[in-house]
Amino acid sequence: MGRRVARLATLVLLLALIRPAAAQTPRPAAPREWRGTGVVLAVLPPPSDLHATRPVIVIQHEAIAGLMDEAMSMPFLVASTGLFEGLKPGDRINFVLRDVPDALLVVSIERPTSRP
């Protein structure tokens, strides 16, 4: 299962890097952000098979309003390894993605609080 997730994650990252120039549109001045929820499949501090210098998180996420209409599992670059503190596969999380050049960057990770 772990090897399959790593292969899928590598493919998604490679496809994002080789998208045609014609598909790129000018970016708005203010960064765009989206909120998502999901389950952590893997936390990969650098270096990893997915990125040599940036931390990566693989999330099985629900649909992300305004960004992705379907639930799926995919890797995301992470702003800092500090966001991984206390995080492990299987944890349910809320996260914030920011649109940066050539990537969707996880800039915030929170664990939902359970209600009594």
Protein backbone atom coordinates (compact mmCIF):
# COMPACT_ATOMS: atom_id res chain seq x y z
CA MET A 1 0.00 0.00 0.00
CA GLY A 2 2.79 2.47 0.91
CA ARG A 3 4.63 1.83 -2.35
CA ARG A 4 1.37 2.34 -4.29
CA VAL A 5 0.73 5.67 -2.55
CA ALA A 6 4.30 6.77 -3.28
CA ARG A 7 3.94 5.91 -6.97
CA LEU A 8 0.60 7.73 -7.21
CA ALA A 9 2.04 10.75 -5.42
CA THR A 10 5.06 10.84 -7.73
CA LEU A 11 2.83 10.72 -10.79
CA VAL A 12 0.61 13.56 -9.54
CA LEU A 13 3.62 15.77 -8.76
CA LEU A 14 5.21 15.06 -12.14
CA LEU A 15 1.99 15.85 -14.00
CA ALA A 16 1.70 19.15 -12.14
CA LEU A 17 5.25 20.10 -13.12
CA ILE A 18 4.85 19.37 -16.84
CA ARG A 19 1.51 21.03 -17.51
CA PRO A 20 1.52 22.95 -20.79
CA ALA A 21 2.36 26.64 -20.74
CA ALA A 22 -0.89 27.39 -22.57
CA ALA A 23 -2.85 26.06 -19.60
CA GLN A 24 -1.23 28.56 -17.22
CA THR A 25 -3.16 31.71 -16.50
CA PRO A 26 -1.99 34.91 -14.80
CA ARG A 27 -2.21 34.63 -11.03
CA PRO A 28 -4.20 37.13 -9.00
CA ALA A 29 -2.27 39.55 -6.77
CA ALA A 30 -3.61 38.06 -3.52
CA PRO A 31 -2.86 34.38 -2.90
CA ARG A 32 -5.86 32.11 -3.21
CA GLU A 33 -6.56 29.69 -0.39
CA TRP A 34 -8.87 26.72 0.12
CA ARG A 35 -9.82 24.72 3.20
CA GLY A 36 -9.98 20.95 3.18
CA THR A 37 -10.50 17.97 5.46
CA GLY A 38 -9.05 14.50 5.22
CA VAL A 39 -6.93 11.73 6.66
CA VAL A 40 -3.13 11.70 6.66
CA LEU A 41 -1.68 8.81 4.64
CA ALA A 42 2.00 9.80 4.91
CA VAL A 43 4.26 12.59 6.18
CA LEU A 44 7.53 12.87 4.28
CA PRO A 45 10.20 15.23 5.57
CA PRO A 46 12.88 16.11 3.01
CA PRO A 47 14.55 14.51 1.29
CA SER A 48 11.93 12.04 0.08
CA ASP A 49 11.09 10.16 -3.11
CA LEU A 50 8.56 12.92 -3.87
CA HIS A 51 10.70 16.03 -3.30
CA ALA A 52 14.37 16.55 -2.55
CA THR A 53 14.09 19.74 -0.50
CA ARG A 54 10.47 20.31 0.57
CA PRO A 55 8.31 18.41 3.07
CA VAL A 56 5.39 16.52 1.54
CA ILE A 57 2.14 15.25 3.04
CA VAL A 58 -0.11 12.67 1.37
CA ILE A 59 -3.76 13.24 2.26
CA GLN A 60 -6.89 11.25 1.47
CA HIS A 61 -9.11 14.33 1.28
CA GLU A 62 -12.77 15.07 0.74
CA ALA A 63 -13.91 17.37 -2.08
CA ILE A 64 -12.42 20.86 -1.64
CA ALA A 65 -15.00 23.56 -2.36
CA GLY A 66 -13.96 25.79 -5.23
CA LEU A 67 -10.94 23.65 -6.12
CA MET A 68 -11.66 19.91 -6.47
CA ASP A 69 -15.11 18.43 -6.92
CA GLU A 70 -14.09 14.89 -5.98
CA ALA A 71 -12.52 13.21 -2.99
CA MET A 72 -9.10 11.71 -3.72
CA SER A 73 -5.70 10.86 -2.29
CA MET A 74 -2.81 13.08 -3.30
CA PRO A 75 0.46 14.62 -2.15
CA PHE A 76 0.95 18.29 -1.32
CA LEU A 77 4.06 20.31 -0.58
CA VAL A 78 4.08 21.65 2.98
CA ALA A 79 5.26 25.11 4.07
CA SER A 80 7.31 23.76 6.99
CA THR A 81 8.17 20.47 8.68
CA GLY A 82 6.95 22.17 11.88
CA LEU A 83 3.42 21.50 10.63
CA PHE A 84 4.15 17.76 11.00
CA GLU A 85 4.65 18.03 14.78
CA GLY A 86 2.69 15.23 16.46
CA LEU A 87 1.11 14.21 13.14
CA LYS A 88 0.94 10.57 12.08
CA PRO A 89 -0.74 8.49 9.37
CA GLY A 90 -4.39 7.91 10.19
CA ASP A 91 -4.88 11.33 11.83
CA ARG A 92 -7.95 13.26 10.68
CA ILE A 93 -7.02 16.85 9.81
CA ASN A 94 -8.32 20.18 8.61
CA PHE A 95 -5.84 21.94 6.33
CA VAL A 96 -5.40 25.11 4.32
CA LEU A 97 -3.96 25.10 0.80
CA ARG A 98 -2.42 28.18 -0.77
CA ASP A 99 -1.95 28.60 -4.51
CA VAL A 100 1.75 29.31 -5.12
CA PRO A 101 3.62 29.17 -8.42
CA ASP A 102 3.48 25.60 -9.74
CA ALA A 103 2.02 24.03 -6.57
CA LEU A 104 -0.68 23.89 -3.97
CA LEU A 105 1.11 24.44 -0.65
CA VAL A 106 -0.26 23.28 2.71
CA VAL A 107 0.17 26.30 5.00
CA SER A 108 -1.89 25.16 8.00
CA ILE A 109 -2.79 21.81 9.57
CA GLU A 110 -5.14 21.35 12.52
CA ARG A 111 -6.60 18.31 14.16
CA PRO A 112 -10.36 18.70 14.68
CA THR A 113 -11.42 18.75 18.30
CA SER A 114 -13.80 16.01 19.32
CA ARG A 115 -17.12 17.13 20.73
CA PRO A 116 -18.46 15.67 23.98
